[in-house]
Amino acid sequence: MGESGDQPNSNSDQVVEREGTYDHELYGEVEVTGIWKGVEEVDTTRNSNEKDVYIVRYSADEDGEQVDELTDTLDEFIESIE
């Protein structure tokens, strides 16, 4: 296992996957198009207490038109889909 700073938060086991679809409280069904930690793209991540910030990029349809390049921190995204 990794260092303690890289361990998932014991309070949540929510996994977010690239190309996964989720029910977002503001946008309805969204698709994750990217997950970034620093400048590196990753395929999955968990709600965690690392010191590094994960960014989730996702797309949605709003009023029948696709909205591109929406982004949240991982914590913000998870709060929006729980």
Protein backbone atom coordinates (compact mmCIF):
# COMPACT_ATOMS: atom_id res chain seq x y z
CA MET A 1 0.00 0.00 0.00
CA GLY A 2 1.00 3.62 -0.45
CA GLU A 3 1.92 6.18 2.11
CA SER A 4 -0.72 7.23 4.65
CA GLY A 5 -1.36 10.45 2.68
CA ASP A 6 -2.46 8.34 -0.29
CA GLN A 7 -5.02 6.19 1.52
CA PRO A 8 -8.76 6.54 0.90
CA ASN A 9 -10.80 8.34 3.51
CA SER A 10 -12.29 5.77 5.87
CA ASN A 11 -15.58 7.73 5.89
CA SER A 12 -16.30 7.07 2.20
CA ASP A 13 -15.63 4.38 -0.35
CA GLN A 14 -17.12 6.29 -3.29
CA VAL A 15 -15.16 5.55 -6.48
CA VAL A 16 -15.28 7.89 -9.47
CA GLU A 17 -14.23 6.40 -12.81
CA ARG A 18 -13.28 8.06 -16.08
CA GLU A 19 -16.05 7.46 -18.64
CA GLY A 20 -18.44 6.58 -15.78
CA THR A 21 -21.91 8.14 -15.63
CA TYR A 22 -23.34 9.62 -12.44
CA ASP A 23 -26.53 11.39 -11.35
CA HIS A 24 -25.41 14.96 -10.57
CA GLU A 25 -27.73 17.08 -8.41
CA LEU A 26 -27.51 20.12 -10.74
CA TYR A 27 -27.01 18.60 -14.20
CA GLY A 28 -28.74 15.21 -14.01
CA GLU A 29 -26.81 12.42 -15.72
CA VAL A 30 -23.19 13.39 -16.36
CA GLU A 31 -20.25 11.50 -17.84
CA VAL A 32 -16.77 11.84 -16.37
CA THR A 33 -14.39 12.69 -19.21
CA GLY A 34 -11.22 13.09 -17.16
CA ILE A 35 -9.73 12.84 -13.69
CA TRP A 36 -6.58 14.80 -12.97
CA LYS A 37 -4.09 14.85 -10.11
CA GLY A 38 -1.63 17.63 -10.72
CA VAL A 39 -0.79 17.29 -14.40
CA GLU A 40 -1.33 13.53 -14.62
CA GLU A 41 -4.57 11.97 -15.87
CA VAL A 42 -5.83 8.98 -13.88
CA ASP A 43 -8.52 6.37 -14.60
CA THR A 44 -10.17 6.08 -11.17
CA THR A 45 -10.00 7.74 -7.80
CA ARG A 46 -11.65 7.58 -4.40
CA ASN A 47 -12.84 10.26 -2.02
CA SER A 48 -9.65 10.74 -0.06
CA ASN A 49 -7.81 12.99 2.32
CA GLU A 50 -4.62 13.30 0.29
CA LYS A 51 -2.83 16.59 0.32
CA ASP A 52 -3.00 16.68 -3.51
CA VAL A 53 -6.18 17.89 -5.18
CA TYR A 54 -7.98 15.74 -7.74
CA ILE A 55 -9.95 17.51 -10.47
CA VAL A 56 -12.92 15.81 -12.15
CA ARG A 57 -13.91 16.97 -15.64
CA TYR A 58 -17.37 15.96 -16.84
CA SER A 59 -19.99 16.70 -19.50
CA ALA A 60 -23.76 17.01 -19.23
CA ASP A 61 -26.84 17.93 -21.21
CA GLU A 62 -28.58 21.10 -20.06
CA ASP A 63 -31.88 22.07 -21.70
CA GLY A 64 -31.16 19.59 -24.51
CA GLU A 65 -27.74 21.05 -25.29
CA GLN A 66 -24.45 19.46 -24.27
CA VAL A 67 -22.45 21.44 -21.73
CA ASP A 68 -18.73 20.70 -22.06
CA GLU A 69 -15.77 21.03 -19.76
CA LEU A 70 -17.48 21.26 -16.40
CA THR A 71 -14.99 20.75 -13.58
CA ASP A 72 -15.09 20.24 -9.83
CA THR A 73 -12.67 19.07 -7.23
CA LEU A 74 -13.18 15.40 -6.42
CA ASP A 75 -14.78 16.28 -3.07
CA GLU A 76 -17.21 18.75 -4.72
CA PHE A 77 -18.11 16.21 -7.40
CA ILE A 78 -18.75 13.43 -4.88
CA GLU A 79 -20.95 15.75 -2.78
CA SER A 80 -22.97 16.52 -5.93
CA ILE A 81 -23.60 12.87 -6.79
CA GLU A 82 -24.35 11.49 -3.31
